[in-house]
Amino acid sequence: MANFKKIRISHFMQYIELLTGGIYERTTTH
């Protein structure tokens, strides 16, 4: 269970990074 939570958190962080990265790219392109 602990391992699953760790993996889930890492995936969530990656998703946030991707999302914020996309927003950052959009703002810089505009």
N, C-alpha and C. Protein backbone atom coordinates (compact mmCIF):
# COMPACT_ATOMS: atom_id res chain seq x y z
N MET A 1 0.83 -1.20 0.00
CA MET A 1 0.00 0.00 0.00
C MET A 1 0.87 1.25 0.00
N ALA A 2 1.89 1.26 0.85
CA ALA A 2 2.78 2.43 0.93
C ALA A 2 3.48 2.64 -0.41
N ASN A 3 3.94 1.55 -1.01
CA ASN A 3 4.62 1.65 -2.30
C ASN A 3 3.69 2.21 -3.36
N PHE A 4 2.45 1.73 -3.35
CA PHE A 4 1.47 2.19 -4.32
C PHE A 4 1.24 3.69 -4.17
N LYS A 5 1.16 4.13 -2.92
CA LYS A 5 0.94 5.56 -2.65
C LYS A 5 2.13 6.36 -3.17
N LYS A 6 3.32 5.85 -2.95
CA LYS A 6 4.54 6.54 -3.40
C LYS A 6 4.52 6.69 -4.92
N ILE A 7 4.20 5.60 -5.60
CA ILE A 7 4.17 5.61 -7.07
C ILE A 7 3.09 6.57 -7.55
N ARG A 8 1.95 6.55 -6.86
CA ARG A 8 0.83 7.41 -7.26
C ARG A 8 1.22 8.88 -7.11
N ILE A 9 1.92 9.20 -6.03
CA ILE A 9 2.35 10.58 -5.79
C ILE A 9 3.33 11.02 -6.88
N SER A 10 4.25 10.14 -7.22
CA SER A 10 5.25 10.48 -8.24
C SER A 10 4.56 10.73 -9.58
N HIS A 11 3.58 9.90 -9.90
CA HIS A 11 2.84 10.08 -11.14
C HIS A 11 2.09 11.39 -11.12
N PHE A 12 1.51 11.72 -9.96
CA PHE A 12 0.76 12.96 -9.80
C PHE A 12 1.68 14.15 -9.99
N MET A 13 2.90 14.06 -9.43
CA MET A 13 3.87 15.14 -9.55
C MET A 13 4.27 15.32 -11.01
N GLN A 14 4.46 14.20 -11.70
CA GLN A 14 4.83 14.26 -13.12
C GLN A 14 3.73 14.95 -13.92
N TYR A 15 2.47 14.62 -13.58
CA TYR A 15 1.32 15.21 -14.27
C TYR A 15 1.28 16.71 -14.04
N ILE A 16 1.52 17.12 -12.79
CA ILE A 16 1.53 18.54 -12.44
C ILE A 16 2.64 19.25 -13.20
N GLU A 17 3.81 18.62 -13.25
CA GLU A 17 4.96 19.21 -13.94
C GLU A 17 4.63 19.39 -15.42
N LEU A 18 4.00 18.38 -16.01
CA LEU A 18 3.63 18.44 -17.42
C LEU A 18 2.61 19.54 -17.64
N LEU A 19 1.63 19.63 -16.73
CA LEU A 19 0.57 20.63 -16.85
C LEU A 19 1.15 22.03 -16.73
N THR A 20 1.96 22.26 -15.71
CA THR A 20 2.55 23.58 -15.49
C THR A 20 3.50 23.91 -16.64
N GLY A 21 4.22 22.91 -17.13
CA GLY A 21 5.14 23.11 -18.23
C GLY A 21 4.39 23.56 -19.47
N GLY A 22 3.22 22.95 -19.73
CA GLY A 22 2.41 23.32 -20.88
C GLY A 22 1.91 24.75 -20.75
N ILE A 23 1.49 25.11 -19.54
CA ILE A 23 1.01 26.48 -19.29
C ILE A 23 2.15 27.46 -19.50
N TYR A 24 3.33 27.12 -18.99
CA TYR A 24 4.49 28.00 -19.12
C TYR A 24 4.84 28.20 -20.59
N GLU A 25 4.79 27.12 -21.34
CA GLU A 25 5.10 27.20 -22.78
C GLU A 25 4.07 28.08 -23.49
N ARG A 26 2.83 27.96 -23.10
CA ARG A 26 1.75 28.74 -23.72
C ARG A 26 1.96 30.22 -23.46
N THR A 27 2.28 30.56 -22.22
CA THR A 27 2.46 31.97 -21.85
C THR A 27 3.66 32.56 -22.58
N THR A 28 4.73 31.77 -22.74
CA THR A 28 5.93 32.27 -23.40
C THR A 28 5.69 32.42 -24.90
N THR A 29 4.88 31.52 -25.47
CA THR A 29 4.60 31.58 -26.90
C THR A 29 3.75 32.80 -27.21
N HIS A 30 2.81 33.11 -26.34
CA HIS A 30 1.93 34.28 -26.50
C HIS A 30 2.73 35.51 -26.22
